N, C-alpha and C. Protein backbone atom coordinates (compact mmCIF):
# COMPACT_ATOMS: atom_id res chain seq x y z
N UNK A 1 90.95 -136.69 145.29
CA UNK A 1 91.08 -135.60 144.35
C UNK A 1 90.08 -134.51 144.71
N UNK A 2 90.51 -133.26 144.68
CA UNK A 2 89.66 -132.14 145.01
C UNK A 2 88.87 -131.70 143.79
N UNK A 3 87.60 -131.34 144.02
CA UNK A 3 86.78 -130.80 142.95
C UNK A 3 87.06 -129.31 142.80
N UNK A 4 87.17 -128.88 141.57
CA UNK A 4 87.40 -127.47 141.27
C UNK A 4 86.05 -126.85 140.90
N UNK A 5 85.79 -125.64 141.44
CA UNK A 5 84.57 -124.95 141.07
C UNK A 5 84.86 -123.49 140.77
N UNK A 6 84.01 -122.89 139.97
CA UNK A 6 84.12 -121.46 139.67
C UNK A 6 83.39 -120.72 140.79
N UNK A 7 84.15 -119.93 141.55
CA UNK A 7 83.56 -119.18 142.66
C UNK A 7 82.95 -117.87 142.16
N UNK A 8 83.67 -117.17 141.27
CA UNK A 8 83.19 -115.87 140.78
C UNK A 8 83.61 -115.66 139.34
N UNK A 9 82.78 -114.89 138.64
CA UNK A 9 83.08 -114.43 137.28
C UNK A 9 83.08 -112.91 137.36
N UNK A 10 84.19 -112.29 136.96
CA UNK A 10 84.30 -110.84 137.06
C UNK A 10 84.45 -110.27 135.66
N UNK A 11 83.50 -109.44 135.29
CA UNK A 11 83.51 -108.83 133.97
C UNK A 11 83.65 -107.32 134.05
N UNK A 12 83.64 -106.70 132.89
CA UNK A 12 83.70 -105.24 132.81
C UNK A 12 82.36 -104.74 132.31
N UNK A 13 82.30 -103.47 132.01
CA UNK A 13 81.03 -102.88 131.56
C UNK A 13 80.55 -103.47 130.24
N UNK A 14 81.43 -104.10 129.48
CA UNK A 14 81.01 -104.72 128.21
C UNK A 14 80.35 -106.08 128.42
N UNK A 15 80.47 -106.64 129.63
CA UNK A 15 79.86 -107.92 129.95
C UNK A 15 78.61 -107.66 130.78
N UNK A 16 77.49 -108.22 130.36
CA UNK A 16 76.25 -107.99 131.10
C UNK A 16 75.67 -109.32 131.56
N UNK A 17 74.77 -109.25 132.52
CA UNK A 17 74.10 -110.45 133.02
C UNK A 17 73.33 -111.16 131.92
N UNK A 18 72.86 -110.40 130.92
CA UNK A 18 72.11 -111.01 129.84
C UNK A 18 72.99 -111.85 128.92
N UNK A 19 74.27 -111.52 128.83
CA UNK A 19 75.17 -112.27 127.95
C UNK A 19 76.02 -113.29 128.70
N UNK A 20 76.09 -113.17 130.02
CA UNK A 20 76.91 -114.06 130.83
C UNK A 20 76.00 -114.91 131.70
N UNK A 21 76.09 -116.21 131.57
CA UNK A 21 75.38 -117.11 132.46
C UNK A 21 76.42 -117.72 133.39
N UNK A 22 76.49 -117.20 134.60
CA UNK A 22 77.54 -117.64 135.52
C UNK A 22 77.13 -118.85 136.35
N UNK A 23 75.93 -119.39 136.12
CA UNK A 23 75.49 -120.56 136.86
C UNK A 23 75.42 -120.26 138.34
N UNK A 24 76.05 -121.09 139.16
CA UNK A 24 76.05 -120.88 140.61
C UNK A 24 77.13 -119.90 141.07
N UNK A 25 77.98 -119.48 140.16
CA UNK A 25 79.07 -118.56 140.52
C UNK A 25 78.54 -117.14 140.65
N UNK A 26 79.22 -116.37 141.46
CA UNK A 26 78.91 -114.96 141.64
C UNK A 26 79.37 -114.20 140.41
N UNK A 27 78.50 -113.33 139.85
CA UNK A 27 78.90 -112.49 138.72
C UNK A 27 79.04 -111.06 139.21
N UNK A 28 80.21 -110.47 139.01
CA UNK A 28 80.46 -109.09 139.41
C UNK A 28 80.86 -108.31 138.17
N UNK A 29 80.22 -107.15 138.00
CA UNK A 29 80.52 -106.30 136.86
C UNK A 29 81.26 -105.06 137.35
N UNK A 30 82.51 -104.91 136.92
CA UNK A 30 83.31 -103.76 137.30
C UNK A 30 83.05 -102.61 136.33
N UNK A 31 83.32 -101.41 136.80
CA UNK A 31 83.10 -100.23 135.96
C UNK A 31 84.20 -100.04 134.92
N UNK A 32 85.42 -100.43 135.29
CA UNK A 32 86.56 -100.26 134.39
C UNK A 32 87.57 -101.38 134.64
N UNK A 33 88.56 -101.48 133.77
CA UNK A 33 89.52 -102.59 133.84
C UNK A 33 90.34 -102.58 135.14
N UNK A 34 90.73 -101.40 135.62
CA UNK A 34 91.51 -101.35 136.87
C UNK A 34 90.69 -101.89 138.04
N UNK A 35 89.41 -101.53 138.10
CA UNK A 35 88.55 -102.04 139.16
C UNK A 35 88.37 -103.55 139.01
N UNK A 36 88.24 -104.02 137.79
CA UNK A 36 88.08 -105.45 137.53
C UNK A 36 89.29 -106.23 138.05
N UNK A 37 90.48 -105.75 137.77
CA UNK A 37 91.69 -106.43 138.22
C UNK A 37 91.82 -106.39 139.74
N UNK A 38 91.45 -105.28 140.36
CA UNK A 38 91.49 -105.19 141.82
C UNK A 38 90.51 -106.17 142.46
N UNK A 39 89.30 -106.24 141.92
CA UNK A 39 88.30 -107.16 142.45
C UNK A 39 88.76 -108.60 142.33
N UNK A 40 89.36 -108.94 141.21
CA UNK A 40 89.85 -110.31 141.00
C UNK A 40 90.87 -110.67 142.07
N UNK A 41 91.84 -109.79 142.30
CA UNK A 41 92.87 -110.05 143.31
C UNK A 41 92.27 -110.18 144.71
N UNK A 42 91.38 -109.26 145.06
CA UNK A 42 90.81 -109.25 146.40
C UNK A 42 89.96 -110.49 146.66
N UNK A 43 89.13 -110.87 145.70
CA UNK A 43 88.27 -112.05 145.88
C UNK A 43 89.11 -113.32 145.94
N UNK A 44 90.09 -113.44 145.05
CA UNK A 44 90.94 -114.64 145.05
C UNK A 44 91.70 -114.77 146.37
N UNK A 45 92.16 -113.67 146.91
CA UNK A 45 92.86 -113.70 148.18
C UNK A 45 91.91 -114.11 149.31
N UNK A 46 90.70 -113.58 149.29
CA UNK A 46 89.73 -113.87 150.35
C UNK A 46 89.31 -115.33 150.39
N UNK A 47 89.21 -115.97 149.23
CA UNK A 47 88.73 -117.36 149.18
C UNK A 47 89.85 -118.35 148.89
N UNK A 48 91.09 -117.84 148.88
CA UNK A 48 92.25 -118.67 148.55
C UNK A 48 92.08 -119.36 147.21
N UNK A 49 91.67 -118.58 146.23
CA UNK A 49 91.43 -119.12 144.89
C UNK A 49 92.51 -118.74 143.91
N UNK A 50 92.43 -119.35 142.75
CA UNK A 50 93.30 -119.02 141.63
C UNK A 50 92.49 -118.23 140.61
N UNK A 51 93.18 -117.49 139.76
CA UNK A 51 92.49 -116.68 138.75
C UNK A 51 92.87 -117.13 137.35
N UNK A 52 91.91 -116.95 136.46
CA UNK A 52 92.11 -117.25 135.05
C UNK A 52 91.52 -116.10 134.25
N UNK A 53 92.28 -115.55 133.30
CA UNK A 53 91.75 -114.52 132.41
C UNK A 53 91.42 -115.18 131.08
N UNK A 54 90.18 -115.06 130.67
CA UNK A 54 89.74 -115.63 129.40
C UNK A 54 90.01 -114.67 128.26
N UNK A 55 90.01 -115.18 127.04
CA UNK A 55 90.31 -114.36 125.87
C UNK A 55 89.27 -113.27 125.63
N UNK A 56 88.07 -113.41 126.21
CA UNK A 56 87.03 -112.39 126.03
C UNK A 56 87.08 -111.31 127.11
N UNK A 57 88.09 -111.36 128.00
CA UNK A 57 88.26 -110.34 129.01
C UNK A 57 87.65 -110.67 130.36
N UNK A 58 86.90 -111.76 130.46
CA UNK A 58 86.35 -112.18 131.74
C UNK A 58 87.43 -112.82 132.59
N UNK A 59 87.32 -112.65 133.89
CA UNK A 59 88.19 -113.34 134.84
C UNK A 59 87.36 -114.35 135.61
N UNK A 60 87.95 -115.50 135.89
CA UNK A 60 87.32 -116.50 136.73
C UNK A 60 88.16 -116.63 137.99
N UNK A 61 87.49 -116.74 139.12
CA UNK A 61 88.15 -117.10 140.36
C UNK A 61 87.72 -118.54 140.64
N UNK A 62 88.69 -119.46 140.64
CA UNK A 62 88.38 -120.87 140.85
C UNK A 62 88.92 -121.33 142.20
N UNK A 63 88.17 -122.22 142.82
CA UNK A 63 88.55 -122.73 144.13
C UNK A 63 88.42 -124.25 144.14
N UNK A 64 89.10 -124.85 145.08
CA UNK A 64 88.99 -126.30 145.27
C UNK A 64 88.10 -126.52 146.48
N UNK A 65 87.14 -127.45 146.37
CA UNK A 65 86.32 -127.81 147.51
C UNK A 65 87.20 -128.42 148.57
N UNK A 66 87.08 -127.93 149.77
CA UNK A 66 87.91 -128.44 150.87
C UNK A 66 87.04 -129.13 151.87
């Protein structure tokens, strides 16, 4: 069974490092929603990850350890 990990957390200007503890994951703060969505797609494609949008507007890029 493959372990799943959070590779990146992508937020918008309303999400700050002080309110988000991303642990070992990369935290990226986009300036606006369009940039946030572009970053999510680009990062997920680069690491062959899947994306999850949370109800608070954060996106997670999750990957399986290979």
